[in-house]
C-alpha cells in the first residue's frame, strides 16, 4: 500500500513540475522568438500551442520508447477532449464572456476535427507505422498553413505584449532566453519520466488499464498549461490568442503529440478502448465547433455545457465498455 501512495506522490510531483517547466519553456521560447523577429501571429499559432503541448509531446516519446502506446494515445486524445471542453468551458466562467470570430473558429475547428478523423483511421488498425506517424506530423503543417491563410488578417498582432510582463524587455540577451527555455525543456523531460513510470506502476498495481488512466487522469494534468496561458491571455484581452491556443493545442495533440513517439518507436494500441474514446471526442468537437461558430460568443452557458460534455464522457464511455464486455 505504501508503494502505491509513493507512486501517487511521484505522479503529483511530476504534474506540478511539468506545469512549472512547461510555463518556463514556453515563456522563454516566446521571448527568444520575439527577439529574433518572428511575427506575433506565428508565435501564437505555432509556438504557443506547441509549447503548451510540450508535456504531451515528451510523454509521447517516453511512453513509446518504453513500449506503452496506450499511455501516449490516451493522453493525447484525452488532452484534446479536456482542452476543448473542460478548459474552454472554464475560461468564460473564470474570465467572463468573450466574443469569437465565426470564420476563424469554424475553419480552425474544422481542421481539429479532420485531424481527429485521421487519428481514427490510424488507430483503427491497432498499431502505428513510421509512415502513419510521419503523415500525421506533416499534416500539422497543412493545418497551420490553412489557419494562417484564412485568419492572417484577423489575428491579434500583439502576442508578445500578453506574454511579457511590463518590466520585461525584448532587449534581453538571446542566450538568457535560450538558457531558461532549455532548463524548462529539461524539467519537462524529467517530469514526463516521473509521470509515465508512476502511471505504469499504479496501473499495474491497481489493475487499471493504462489507456483509461491516461485518458481520464493524466490528460487533466497535461492540459493545465493551456488553462494557465489562456487565462492570462483573456485577462489581458488577447482573445484571439486564447482561442487559437485552445484549438491549436487540440490539433497538435492529434498530430505532433500522438505521432512523434511512434515516429521513432512505433507501438500497438488497444483499439477496444481507444476507438470509442476517439469517436466521442470527434462528436464533442463537432458540437463545440458548431455551437461556438453559431453563437459567436463564449459565456457561462456555453461554459457549463462544454464542461458537462467532459463530465458525461466518463459514464458514457464506461457504460459502452461494460456493454461490450471489455472489462
C-alpha atoms as a PDB file:
ATOM      1  CA  UNK A   1       0.000   0.000   0.000  1.00  0.00           C
ATOM      2  CA  UNK A   2       2.847   2.348   0.867  1.00  0.00           C
ATOM      3  CA  UNK A   3       4.415   1.878  -2.545  1.00  0.00           C
ATOM      4  CA  UNK A   4       1.156   2.945  -4.254  1.00  0.00           C
ATOM      5  CA  UNK A   5       0.995   6.068  -2.070  1.00  0.00           C
ATOM      6  CA  UNK A   6       4.579   6.895  -3.001  1.00  0.00           C
ATOM      7  CA  UNK A   7       3.758   6.357  -6.686  1.00  0.00           C
ATOM      8  CA  UNK A   8       0.819   8.791  -6.423  1.00  0.00           C
ATOM      9  CA  UNK A   9       3.091  11.322  -4.706  1.00  0.00           C
ATOM     10  CA  UNK A  10       5.617  10.960  -7.530  1.00  0.00           C
ATOM     11  CA  UNK A  11       2.779  11.350 -10.063  1.00  0.00           C
ATOM     12  CA  UNK A  12       1.556  14.524  -8.351  1.00  0.00           C
ATOM     13  CA  UNK A  13       5.112  15.844  -8.116  1.00  0.00           C
ATOM     14  CA  UNK A  14       5.602  15.134 -11.809  1.00  0.00           C
ATOM     15  CA  UNK A  15       2.438  17.048 -12.719  1.00  0.00           C
ATOM     16  CA  UNK A  16       3.488  20.044 -10.589  1.00  0.00           C
ATOM     17  CA  UNK A  17       6.976  20.001 -12.102  1.00  0.00           C
ATOM     18  CA  UNK A  18       5.646  19.687 -15.646  1.00  0.00           C
ATOM     19  CA  UNK A  19       3.348  22.683 -15.130  1.00  0.00           C
ATOM     20  CA  UNK A  20       6.204  24.854 -13.895  1.00  0.00           C
ATOM     21  CA  UNK A  21       8.639  23.580 -16.522  1.00  0.00           C
ATOM     22  CA  UNK A  22       6.160  23.958 -19.389  1.00  0.00           C
ATOM     23  CA  UNK A  23       5.404  27.543 -18.451  1.00  0.00           C
ATOM     24  CA  UNK A  24       9.118  28.327 -18.174  1.00  0.00           C
ATOM     25  CA  UNK A  25       9.908  26.694 -21.514  1.00  0.00           C
ATOM     26  CA  UNK A  26       7.007  28.370 -23.347  1.00  0.00           C
ATOM     27  CA  UNK A  27       7.619  31.797 -21.849  1.00  0.00           C
ATOM     28  CA  UNK A  28      11.299  31.982 -22.749  1.00  0.00           C
ATOM     29  CA  UNK A  29      10.821  30.297 -26.119  1.00  0.00           C
ATOM     30  CA  UNK A  30       8.396  33.098 -26.989  1.00  0.00           C
ATOM     31  CA  UNK A  31      10.877  35.698 -25.717  1.00  0.00           C
ATOM     32  CA  UNK A  32      13.561  34.170 -27.906  1.00  0.00           C
ATOM     33  CA  UNK A  33      11.305  34.013 -30.961  1.00  0.00           C
ATOM     34  CA  UNK A  34      10.251  37.636 -30.459  1.00  0.00           C
ATOM     35  CA  UNK A  35      13.833  38.797 -30.092  1.00  0.00           C
ATOM     36  CA  UNK A  36      14.666  37.025 -33.346  1.00  0.00           C
ATOM     37  CA  UNK A  37      11.918  38.945 -35.143  1.00  0.00           C
ATOM     38  CA  UNK A  38       9.419  36.112 -35.660  1.00  0.00           C
ATOM     39  CA  UNK A  39       5.928  37.521 -36.191  1.00  0.00           C
ATOM     40  CA  UNK A  40       3.437  37.522 -33.348  1.00  0.00           C
ATOM     41  CA  UNK A  41       0.987  35.503 -35.435  1.00  0.00           C
ATOM     42  CA  UNK A  42       3.484  32.684 -35.948  1.00  0.00           C
ATOM     43  CA  UNK A  43       4.315  32.787 -32.240  1.00  0.00           C
ATOM     44  CA  UNK A  44       0.662  32.500 -31.266  1.00  0.00           C
ATOM     45  CA  UNK A  45      -0.434  29.802 -33.702  1.00  0.00           C
ATOM     46  CA  UNK A  46       2.653  27.620 -33.629  1.00  0.00           C
ATOM     47  CA  UNK A  47       4.982  28.306 -30.716  1.00  0.00           C
ATOM     48  CA  UNK A  48       2.377  28.878 -28.000  1.00  0.00           C
ATOM     49  CA  UNK A  49       0.119  25.976 -28.957  1.00  0.00           C
ATOM     50  CA  UNK A  50       3.053  23.603 -29.446  1.00  0.00           C
ATOM     51  CA  UNK A  51       4.715  24.978 -26.338  1.00  0.00           C
ATOM     52  CA  UNK A  52       1.714  24.333 -24.123  1.00  0.00           C
ATOM     53  CA  UNK A  53       1.696  20.776 -25.516  1.00  0.00           C
ATOM     54  CA  UNK A  54       5.286  20.123 -24.534  1.00  0.00           C
ATOM     55  CA  UNK A  55       4.171  17.745 -21.797  1.00  0.00           C
ATOM     56  CA  UNK A  56       2.122  15.608 -24.225  1.00  0.00           C
ATOM     57  CA  UNK A  57       4.982  15.605 -26.744  1.00  0.00           C
ATOM     58  CA  UNK A  58       7.539  14.380 -24.221  1.00  0.00           C
ATOM     59  CA  UNK A  59       5.082  11.876 -22.770  1.00  0.00           C
ATOM     60  CA  UNK A  60       4.547  10.525 -26.287  1.00  0.00           C
ATOM     61  CA  UNK A  61       8.256   9.979 -26.856  1.00  0.00           C
ATOM     62  CA  UNK A  62       8.955   8.456 -23.463  1.00  0.00           C
ATOM     63  CA  UNK A  63       5.881   6.214 -23.290  1.00  0.00           C
ATOM     64  CA  UNK A  64       6.503   4.947 -26.829  1.00  0.00           C
ATOM     65  CA  UNK A  65      10.156   4.291 -26.036  1.00  0.00           C
ATOM     66  CA  UNK A  66       9.084   2.263 -23.003  1.00  0.00           C
ATOM     67  CA  UNK A  67       6.601   0.285 -25.113  1.00  0.00           C
ATOM     68  CA  UNK A  68       3.389   1.735 -23.656  1.00  0.00           C
ATOM     69  CA  UNK A  69       1.491   3.076 -26.669  1.00  0.00           C
ATOM     70  CA  UNK A  70      -1.811   3.252 -24.784  1.00  0.00           C
ATOM     71  CA  UNK A  71      -0.407   5.923 -22.471  1.00  0.00           C
ATOM     72  CA  UNK A  72       0.579   8.039 -25.473  1.00  0.00           C
ATOM     73  CA  UNK A  73      -2.755   7.715 -27.293  1.00  0.00           C
ATOM     74  CA  UNK A  74      -4.810   8.048 -24.101  1.00  0.00           C
ATOM     75  CA  UNK A  75      -3.003  11.217 -23.031  1.00  0.00           C
ATOM     76  CA  UNK A  76      -3.064  12.844 -26.489  1.00  0.00           C
ATOM     77  CA  UNK A  77      -6.745  12.137 -27.236  1.00  0.00           C
ATOM     78  CA  UNK A  78      -7.794  12.830 -23.639  1.00  0.00           C
ATOM     79  CA  UNK A  79      -5.943  16.152 -23.670  1.00  0.00           C
ATOM     80  CA  UNK A  80      -7.766  17.173 -26.834  1.00  0.00           C
ATOM     81  CA  UNK A  81     -11.107  16.383 -25.209  1.00  0.00           C
ATOM     82  CA  UNK A  82     -10.337  18.078 -21.894  1.00  0.00           C
ATOM     83  CA  UNK A  83      -8.936  21.209 -23.565  1.00  0.00           C
ATOM     84  CA  UNK A  84     -11.894  21.705 -25.901  1.00  0.00           C
ATOM     85  CA  UNK A  85     -14.492  21.063 -23.193  1.00  0.00           C
ATOM     86  CA  UNK A  86     -13.188  21.472 -19.637  1.00  0.00           C
ATOM     87  CA  UNK A  87     -10.501  24.122 -20.237  1.00  0.00           C
ATOM     88  CA  UNK A  88     -12.505  26.020 -22.870  1.00  0.00           C
ATOM     89  CA  UNK A  89     -15.603  25.830 -20.670  1.00  0.00           C
ATOM     90  CA  UNK A  90     -13.794  27.176 -17.612  1.00  0.00           C
ATOM     91  CA  UNK A  91     -12.497  30.267 -19.418  1.00  0.00           C
ATOM     92  CA  UNK A  92     -15.762  32.283 -19.549  1.00  0.00           C
ATOM     93  CA  UNK A  93     -16.617  31.185 -16.007  1.00  0.00           C
ATOM     94  CA  UNK A  94     -13.267  32.423 -14.696  1.00  0.00           C
ATOM     95  CA  UNK A  95     -12.630  35.387 -17.022  1.00  0.00           C
ATOM     96  CA  UNK A  96     -16.101  36.399 -18.165  1.00  0.00           C
ATOM     97  CA  UNK A  97     -17.819  36.475 -21.535  1.00  0.00           C
ATOM     98  CA  UNK A  98     -15.820  36.980 -24.713  1.00  0.00           C
ATOM     99  CA  UNK A  99     -16.694  37.013 -28.404  1.00  0.00           C
ATOM    100  CA  UNK A 100     -15.460  34.616 -31.063  1.00  0.00           C
ATOM    101  CA  UNK A 101     -14.880  35.242 -34.756  1.00  0.00           C
ATOM    102  CA  UNK A 102     -17.134  32.791 -36.622  1.00  0.00           C
ATOM    103  CA  UNK A 103     -14.963  32.327 -39.706  1.00  0.00           C
ATOM    104  CA  UNK A 104     -11.772  31.934 -37.704  1.00  0.00           C
ATOM    105  CA  UNK A 105     -13.208  29.428 -35.241  1.00  0.00           C
ATOM    106  CA  UNK A 106     -15.066  27.412 -37.875  1.00  0.00           C
ATOM    107  CA  UNK A 107     -12.005  26.968 -40.088  1.00  0.00           C
ATOM    108  CA  UNK A 108      -9.551  26.128 -37.309  1.00  0.00           C
ATOM    109  CA  UNK A 109     -12.152  23.953 -35.572  1.00  0.00           C
ATOM    110  CA  UNK A 110     -12.745  22.026 -38.801  1.00  0.00           C
ATOM    111  CA  UNK A 111      -9.012  21.375 -39.024  1.00  0.00           C
ATOM    112  CA  UNK A 112      -9.115  19.943 -35.499  1.00  0.00           C
ATOM    113  CA  UNK A 113     -11.991  17.604 -36.373  1.00  0.00           C
ATOM    114  CA  UNK A 114     -10.195  16.485 -39.547  1.00  0.00           C
ATOM    115  CA  UNK A 115      -7.050  15.785 -37.522  1.00  0.00           C
ATOM    116  CA  UNK A 116      -9.031  13.546 -35.144  1.00  0.00           C
ATOM    117  CA  UNK A 117     -10.594  11.675 -38.063  1.00  0.00           C
ATOM    118  CA  UNK A 118      -7.104  10.960 -39.411  1.00  0.00           C
ATOM    119  CA  UNK A 119      -6.083   9.676 -35.979  1.00  0.00           C
ATOM    120  CA  UNK A 120      -9.130   7.396 -36.013  1.00  0.00           C
ATOM    121  CA  UNK A 121      -8.113   5.890 -39.359  1.00  0.00           C
ATOM    122  CA  UNK A 122      -4.669   5.076 -37.960  1.00  0.00           C
ATOM    123  CA  UNK A 123      -5.690   3.802 -34.523  1.00  0.00           C
ATOM    124  CA  UNK A 124      -8.451   1.667 -36.028  1.00  0.00           C
ATOM    125  CA  UNK A 125      -5.726  -0.654 -37.369  1.00  0.00           C
ATOM    126  CA  UNK A 126      -4.465  -1.240 -33.843  1.00  0.00           C
ATOM    127  CA  UNK A 127      -0.925  -0.053 -34.485  1.00  0.00           C
ATOM    128  CA  UNK A 128       1.188   2.817 -35.803  1.00  0.00           C
ATOM    129  CA  UNK A 129       3.806   2.609 -38.532  1.00  0.00           C
ATOM    130  CA  UNK A 130       6.634   5.038 -39.223  1.00  0.00           C
ATOM    131  CA  UNK A 131       4.709   6.229 -42.277  1.00  0.00           C
ATOM    132  CA  UNK A 132       1.499   6.786 -40.268  1.00  0.00           C
ATOM    133  CA  UNK A 133       3.370   8.887 -37.749  1.00  0.00           C
ATOM    134  CA  UNK A 134       5.189  10.882 -40.407  1.00  0.00           C
ATOM    135  CA  UNK A 135       1.926  11.614 -42.245  1.00  0.00           C
ATOM    136  CA  UNK A 136       0.236  12.882 -39.064  1.00  0.00           C
ATOM    137  CA  UNK A 137       3.189  15.127 -38.243  1.00  0.00           C
ATOM    138  CA  UNK A 138       3.327  16.556 -41.762  1.00  0.00           C
ATOM    139  CA  UNK A 139      -0.422  17.195 -41.681  1.00  0.00           C
ATOM    140  CA  UNK A 140       0.200  19.690 -38.870  1.00  0.00           C
ATOM    141  CA  UNK A 141       1.948  21.987 -41.338  1.00  0.00           C
ATOM    142  CA  UNK A 142      -1.088  21.804 -43.622  1.00  0.00           C
ATOM    143  CA  UNK A 143      -3.414  22.855 -40.786  1.00  0.00           C
ATOM    144  CA  UNK A 144      -1.092  25.703 -39.837  1.00  0.00           C
ATOM    145  CA  UNK A 145      -0.955  26.895 -43.446  1.00  0.00           C
ATOM    146  CA  UNK A 146      -4.754  26.777 -43.780  1.00  0.00           C
ATOM    147  CA  UNK A 147      -5.221  28.616 -40.491  1.00  0.00           C
ATOM    148  CA  UNK A 148      -2.714  31.277 -41.498  1.00  0.00           C
ATOM    149  CA  UNK A 149      -4.207  31.934 -44.928  1.00  0.00           C
ATOM    150  CA  UNK A 150      -7.747  32.176 -43.590  1.00  0.00           C
ATOM    151  CA  UNK A 151      -7.131  34.158 -40.420  1.00  0.00           C
ATOM    152  CA  UNK A 152      -3.962  36.161 -41.055  1.00  0.00           C
ATOM    153  CA  UNK A 153      -5.831  39.475 -41.273  1.00  0.00           C
ATOM    154  CA  UNK A 154      -7.865  38.838 -38.124  1.00  0.00           C
ATOM    155  CA  UNK A 155      -5.359  37.524 -35.628  1.00  0.00           C
ATOM    156  CA  UNK A 156      -4.013  39.532 -32.720  1.00  0.00           C
ATOM    157  CA  UNK A 157      -0.770  41.233 -33.670  1.00  0.00           C
ATOM    158  CA  UNK A 158       0.473  41.847 -30.131  1.00  0.00           C
ATOM    159  CA  UNK A 159       1.088  38.428 -28.668  1.00  0.00           C
ATOM    160  CA  UNK A 160       4.363  39.454 -27.108  1.00  0.00           C
ATOM    161  CA  UNK A 161       2.611  42.136 -25.051  1.00  0.00           C
ATOM    162  CA  UNK A 162       0.454  39.496 -23.377  1.00  0.00           C
ATOM    163  CA  UNK A 163       3.294  37.132 -22.701  1.00  0.00           C
ATOM    164  CA  UNK A 164       5.729  39.723 -21.382  1.00  0.00           C
ATOM    165  CA  UNK A 165       5.367  41.445 -18.023  1.00  0.00           C
ATOM    166  CA  UNK A 166       5.535  45.213 -18.121  1.00  0.00           C
ATOM    167  CA  UNK A 167       9.007  45.111 -16.524  1.00  0.00           C
ATOM    168  CA  UNK A 168      10.368  42.752 -19.161  1.00  0.00           C
ATOM    169  CA  UNK A 169      12.023  43.811 -22.364  1.00  0.00           C
ATOM    170  CA  UNK A 170      12.708  42.081 -25.650  1.00  0.00           C
ATOM    171  CA  UNK A 171      16.222  43.550 -25.472  1.00  0.00           C
ATOM    172  CA  UNK A 172      17.335  40.842 -23.070  1.00  0.00           C
ATOM    173  CA  UNK A 173      20.113  38.726 -24.417  1.00  0.00           C
ATOM    174  CA  UNK A 174      19.069  35.797 -26.595  1.00  0.00           C
ATOM    175  CA  UNK A 175      21.358  33.458 -24.667  1.00  0.00           C
ATOM    176  CA  UNK A 176      19.415  34.248 -21.489  1.00  0.00           C
ATOM    177  CA  UNK A 177      16.164  33.213 -23.157  1.00  0.00           C
ATOM    178  CA  UNK A 178      17.770  30.107 -24.615  1.00  0.00           C
ATOM    179  CA  UNK A 179      19.219  29.051 -21.261  1.00  0.00           C
ATOM    180  CA  UNK A 180      15.921  29.301 -19.399  1.00  0.00           C
ATOM    181  CA  UNK A 181      13.992  27.666 -22.237  1.00  0.00           C
ATOM    182  CA  UNK A 182      16.474  24.776 -22.103  1.00  0.00           C
ATOM    183  CA  UNK A 183      16.013  24.466 -18.340  1.00  0.00           C
ATOM    184  CA  UNK A 184      12.267  24.336 -18.909  1.00  0.00           C
ATOM    185  CA  UNK A 185      12.568  21.594 -21.517  1.00  0.00           C
ATOM    186  CA  UNK A 186      14.841  19.563 -19.233  1.00  0.00           C
ATOM    187  CA  UNK A 187      12.277  19.917 -16.457  1.00  0.00           C
ATOM    188  CA  UNK A 188       9.550  18.672 -18.792  1.00  0.00           C
ATOM    189  CA  UNK A 189      11.691  15.660 -19.704  1.00  0.00           C
ATOM    190  CA  UNK A 190      12.314  14.750 -16.056  1.00  0.00           C
ATOM    191  CA  UNK A 191       8.684  15.242 -15.053  1.00  0.00           C
ATOM    192  CA  UNK A 192       7.483  13.191 -18.028  1.00  0.00           C
ATOM    193  CA  UNK A 193       9.642  10.285 -16.901  1.00  0.00           C
ATOM    194  CA  UNK A 194       8.220  10.598 -13.366  1.00  0.00           C
ATOM    195  CA  UNK A 195       4.639  10.675 -14.656  1.00  0.00           C
ATOM    196  CA  UNK A 196       4.985   7.795 -17.106  1.00  0.00           C
ATOM    197  CA  UNK A 197       6.757   5.497 -14.663  1.00  0.00           C
ATOM    198  CA  UNK A 198       4.257   6.216 -11.873  1.00  0.00           C
ATOM    199  CA  UNK A 199       1.299   5.575 -14.203  1.00  0.00           C
ATOM    200  CA  UNK A 200       2.792   2.268 -15.331  1.00  0.00           C
ATOM    201  CA  UNK A 201       3.303   1.245 -11.697  1.00  0.00           C
ATOM    202  CA  UNK A 202      -0.130   2.387 -10.472  1.00  0.00           C
ATOM    203  CA  UNK A 203      -1.965   0.835 -13.403  1.00  0.00           C
ATOM    204  CA  UNK A 204      -0.227  -2.475 -12.809  1.00  0.00           C
ATOM    205  CA  UNK A 205      -0.793  -2.492  -9.048  1.00  0.00           C
ATOM    206  CA  UNK A 206      -4.458  -1.443  -9.204  1.00  0.00           C
ATOM    207  CA  UNK A 207      -5.145  -3.412 -12.392  1.00  0.00           C
ATOM    208  CA  UNK A 208      -6.314  -0.268 -14.202  1.00  0.00           C
ATOM    209  CA  UNK A 209      -5.981  -0.058 -17.962  1.00  0.00           C
ATOM    210  CA  UNK A 210      -3.205   2.357 -18.925  1.00  0.00           C
ATOM    211  CA  UNK A 211      -5.340   3.927 -21.647  1.00  0.00           C
ATOM    212  CA  UNK A 212      -8.171   4.776 -19.235  1.00  0.00           C
ATOM    213  CA  UNK A 213      -5.789   6.161 -16.617  1.00  0.00           C
ATOM    214  CA  UNK A 214      -4.098   8.348 -19.232  1.00  0.00           C
ATOM    215  CA  UNK A 215      -7.321   9.415 -20.976  1.00  0.00           C
ATOM    216  CA  UNK A 216      -9.233  10.452 -17.849  1.00  0.00           C
ATOM    217  CA  UNK A 217      -6.500  11.441 -15.361  1.00  0.00           C
ATOM    218  CA  UNK A 218      -3.113  12.137 -16.959  1.00  0.00           C
ATOM    219  CA  UNK A 219      -4.711  14.306 -19.661  1.00  0.00           C
ATOM    220  CA  UNK A 220      -6.070  16.661 -16.992  1.00  0.00           C
ATOM    221  CA  UNK A 221      -2.581  17.339 -15.682  1.00  0.00           C
ATOM    222  CA  UNK A 222      -1.070  17.855 -19.126  1.00  0.00           C
ATOM    223  CA  UNK A 223      -3.915  20.252 -20.060  1.00  0.00           C
ATOM    224  CA  UNK A 224      -3.193  22.645 -17.198  1.00  0.00           C
ATOM    225  CA  UNK A 225      -0.550  24.636 -19.146  1.00  0.00           C
ATOM    226  CA  UNK A 226      -3.246  25.592 -21.682  1.00  0.00           C
ATOM    227  CA  UNK A 227      -5.561  26.715 -18.896  1.00  0.00           C
ATOM    228  CA  UNK A 228      -2.847  28.851 -17.317  1.00  0.00           C
ATOM    229  CA  UNK A 229      -1.742  30.502 -20.579  1.00  0.00           C
ATOM    230  CA  UNK A 230      -5.297  31.115 -21.818  1.00  0.00           C
ATOM    231  CA  UNK A 231      -6.483  32.678 -18.559  1.00  0.00           C
ATOM    232  CA  UNK A 232      -3.523  35.060 -18.758  1.00  0.00           C
ATOM    233  CA  UNK A 233      -4.381  35.845 -22.391  1.00  0.00           C
ATOM    234  CA  UNK A 234      -8.028  36.585 -21.650  1.00  0.00           C
ATOM    235  CA  UNK A 235      -7.254  38.776 -18.647  1.00  0.00           C
ATOM    236  CA  UNK A 236      -5.065  40.882 -20.944  1.00  0.00           C
ATOM    237  CA  UNK A 237      -7.856  40.890 -23.587  1.00  0.00           C
ATOM    238  CA  UNK A 238      -5.947  38.803 -26.122  1.00  0.00           C
ATOM    239  CA  UNK A 239      -8.999  36.740 -27.034  1.00  0.00           C
ATOM    240  CA  UNK A 240      -7.724  35.501 -30.395  1.00  0.00           C
ATOM    241  CA  UNK A 241      -4.588  34.104 -28.810  1.00  0.00           C
ATOM    242  CA  UNK A 242      -6.566  32.155 -26.200  1.00  0.00           C
ATOM    243  CA  UNK A 243      -8.953  30.741 -28.815  1.00  0.00           C
ATOM    244  CA  UNK A 244      -6.108  29.961 -31.191  1.00  0.00           C
ATOM    245  CA  UNK A 245      -4.185  28.193 -28.442  1.00  0.00           C
ATOM    246  CA  UNK A 246      -7.189  26.064 -27.428  1.00  0.00           C
ATOM    247  CA  UNK A 247      -7.890  24.816 -30.956  1.00  0.00           C
ATOM    248  CA  UNK A 248      -4.233  24.838 -31.951  1.00  0.00           C
ATOM    249  CA  UNK A 249      -3.288  22.683 -28.973  1.00  0.00           C
ATOM    250  CA  UNK A 250      -6.023  20.188 -29.865  1.00  0.00           C
ATOM    251  CA  UNK A 251      -4.634  19.995 -33.408  1.00  0.00           C
ATOM    252  CA  UNK A 252      -1.113  19.498 -32.053  1.00  0.00           C
ATOM    253  CA  UNK A 253      -2.408  16.717 -29.780  1.00  0.00           C
ATOM    254  CA  UNK A 254      -3.932  14.915 -32.775  1.00  0.00           C
ATOM    255  CA  UNK A 255      -0.841  15.291 -34.947  1.00  0.00           C
ATOM    256  CA  UNK A 256       2.568  16.013 -33.447  1.00  0.00           C
ATOM    257  CA  UNK A 257       1.923  14.807 -29.892  1.00  0.00           C
ATOM    258  CA  UNK A 258       0.354  11.467 -30.727  1.00  0.00           C
ATOM    259  CA  UNK A 259       2.731  10.765 -33.624  1.00  0.00           C
ATOM    260  CA  UNK A 260       6.176  11.919 -32.519  1.00  0.00           C
ATOM    261  CA  UNK A 261       6.788   8.936 -30.233  1.00  0.00           C
ATOM    262  CA  UNK A 262       5.509   6.493 -32.826  1.00  0.00           C
ATOM    263  CA  UNK A 263       7.759   8.025 -35.468  1.00  0.00           C
ATOM    264  CA  UNK A 264      10.777   6.702 -33.575  1.00  0.00           C
ATOM    265  CA  UNK A 265       9.197   3.785 -31.685  1.00  0.00           C
ATOM    266  CA  UNK A 266       6.014   2.534 -33.428  1.00  0.00           C
ATOM    267  CA  UNK A 267       3.571   0.957 -30.958  1.00  0.00           C
ATOM    268  CA  UNK A 268       0.348  -1.009 -30.931  1.00  0.00           C
ATOM    269  CA  UNK A 269      -2.839   0.453 -29.424  1.00  0.00           C
ATOM    270  CA  UNK A 270      -5.745  -1.140 -27.552  1.00  0.00           C
ATOM    271  CA  UNK A 271      -8.463  -0.342 -30.093  1.00  0.00           C
ATOM    272  CA  UNK A 272     -11.272  -1.583 -27.836  1.00  0.00           C
ATOM    273  CA  UNK A 273     -10.540   1.338 -25.506  1.00  0.00           C
ATOM    274  CA  UNK A 274      -9.173   3.908 -27.946  1.00  0.00           C
ATOM    275  CA  UNK A 275     -11.782   3.817 -30.723  1.00  0.00           C
ATOM    276  CA  UNK A 276     -14.855   4.694 -28.570  1.00  0.00           C
ATOM    277  CA  UNK A 277     -12.871   7.485 -26.892  1.00  0.00           C
ATOM    278  CA  UNK A 278     -11.777   8.936 -30.237  1.00  0.00           C
ATOM    279  CA  UNK A 279     -15.309   8.747 -31.669  1.00  0.00           C
ATOM    280  CA  UNK A 280     -16.711  10.528 -28.599  1.00  0.00           C
ATOM    281  CA  UNK A 281     -14.019  13.206 -28.904  1.00  0.00           C
ATOM    282  CA  UNK A 282     -14.846  13.743 -32.594  1.00  0.00           C
ATOM    283  CA  UNK A 283     -18.576  14.092 -31.846  1.00  0.00           C
ATOM    284  CA  UNK A 284     -17.946  16.514 -28.997  1.00  0.00           C
ATOM    285  CA  UNK A 285     -15.538  18.531 -31.164  1.00  0.00           C
ATOM    286  CA  UNK A 286     -18.219  18.902 -33.825  1.00  0.00           C
ATOM    287  CA  UNK A 287     -20.738  20.037 -31.188  1.00  0.00           C
ATOM    288  CA  UNK A 288     -18.343  22.637 -29.749  1.00  0.00           C
ATOM    289  CA  UNK A 289     -17.303  23.981 -33.168  1.00  0.00           C
ATOM    290  CA  UNK A 290     -20.899  24.283 -34.408  1.00  0.00           C
ATOM    291  CA  UNK A 291     -22.253  25.873 -31.212  1.00  0.00           C
ATOM    292  CA  UNK A 292     -19.460  28.424 -30.853  1.00  0.00           C
ATOM    293  CA  UNK A 293     -19.498  29.273 -34.567  1.00  0.00           C
ATOM    294  CA  UNK A 294     -23.270  29.828 -34.485  1.00  0.00           C
ATOM    295  CA  UNK A 295     -23.394  31.825 -31.234  1.00  0.00           C
ATOM    296  CA  UNK A 296     -20.084  33.681 -31.758  1.00  0.00           C
ATOM    297  CA  UNK A 297     -19.733  34.125 -28.026  1.00  0.00           C
ATOM    298  CA  UNK A 298     -18.356  32.182 -25.092  1.00  0.00           C
ATOM    299  CA  UNK A 299     -20.360  32.824 -21.933  1.00  0.00           C
ATOM    300  CA  UNK A 300     -21.223  30.908 -18.782  1.00  0.00           C
ATOM    301  CA  UNK A 301     -23.998  28.986 -20.560  1.00  0.00           C
ATOM    302  CA  UNK A 302     -21.554  27.668 -23.131  1.00  0.00           C
ATOM    303  CA  UNK A 303     -19.006  27.024 -20.404  1.00  0.00           C
ATOM    304  CA  UNK A 304     -21.375  24.883 -18.350  1.00  0.00           C
ATOM    305  CA  UNK A 305     -22.458  22.955 -21.451  1.00  0.00           C
ATOM    306  CA  UNK A 306     -18.894  22.180 -22.526  1.00  0.00           C
ATOM    307  CA  UNK A 307     -17.842  21.158 -19.020  1.00  0.00           C
ATOM    308  CA  UNK A 308     -20.875  18.872 -18.915  1.00  0.00           C
ATOM    309  CA  UNK A 309     -19.757  17.254 -22.182  1.00  0.00           C
ATOM    310  CA  UNK A 310     -16.488  16.414 -20.489  1.00  0.00           C
ATOM    311  CA  UNK A 311     -18.062  15.084 -17.304  1.00  0.00           C
ATOM    312  CA  UNK A 312     -20.585  12.834 -19.027  1.00  0.00           C
ATOM    313  CA  UNK A 313     -17.793  11.259 -21.074  1.00  0.00           C
ATOM    314  CA  UNK A 314     -16.944   9.174 -18.026  1.00  0.00           C
ATOM    315  CA  UNK A 315     -20.298   7.370 -17.567  1.00  0.00           C
ATOM    316  CA  UNK A 316     -20.941   7.189 -21.324  1.00  0.00           C
ATOM    317  CA  UNK A 317     -17.623   5.553 -22.180  1.00  0.00           C
ATOM    318  CA  UNK A 318     -17.631   3.245 -19.170  1.00  0.00           C
ATOM    319  CA  UNK A 319     -21.183   2.175 -19.973  1.00  0.00           C
ATOM    320  CA  UNK A 320     -20.088   1.413 -23.527  1.00  0.00           C
ATOM    321  CA  UNK A 321     -17.045  -0.544 -22.369  1.00  0.00           C
ATOM    322  CA  UNK A 322     -19.230  -2.544 -19.975  1.00  0.00           C
ATOM    323  CA  UNK A 323     -21.829  -3.298 -22.673  1.00  0.00           C
ATOM    324  CA  UNK A 324     -19.061  -4.606 -24.918  1.00  0.00           C
ATOM    325  CA  UNK A 325     -17.683  -6.696 -22.018  1.00  0.00           C
ATOM    326  CA  UNK A 326     -14.305  -5.064 -22.404  1.00  0.00           C
ATOM    327  CA  UNK A 327     -13.585  -5.073 -18.678  1.00  0.00           C
END
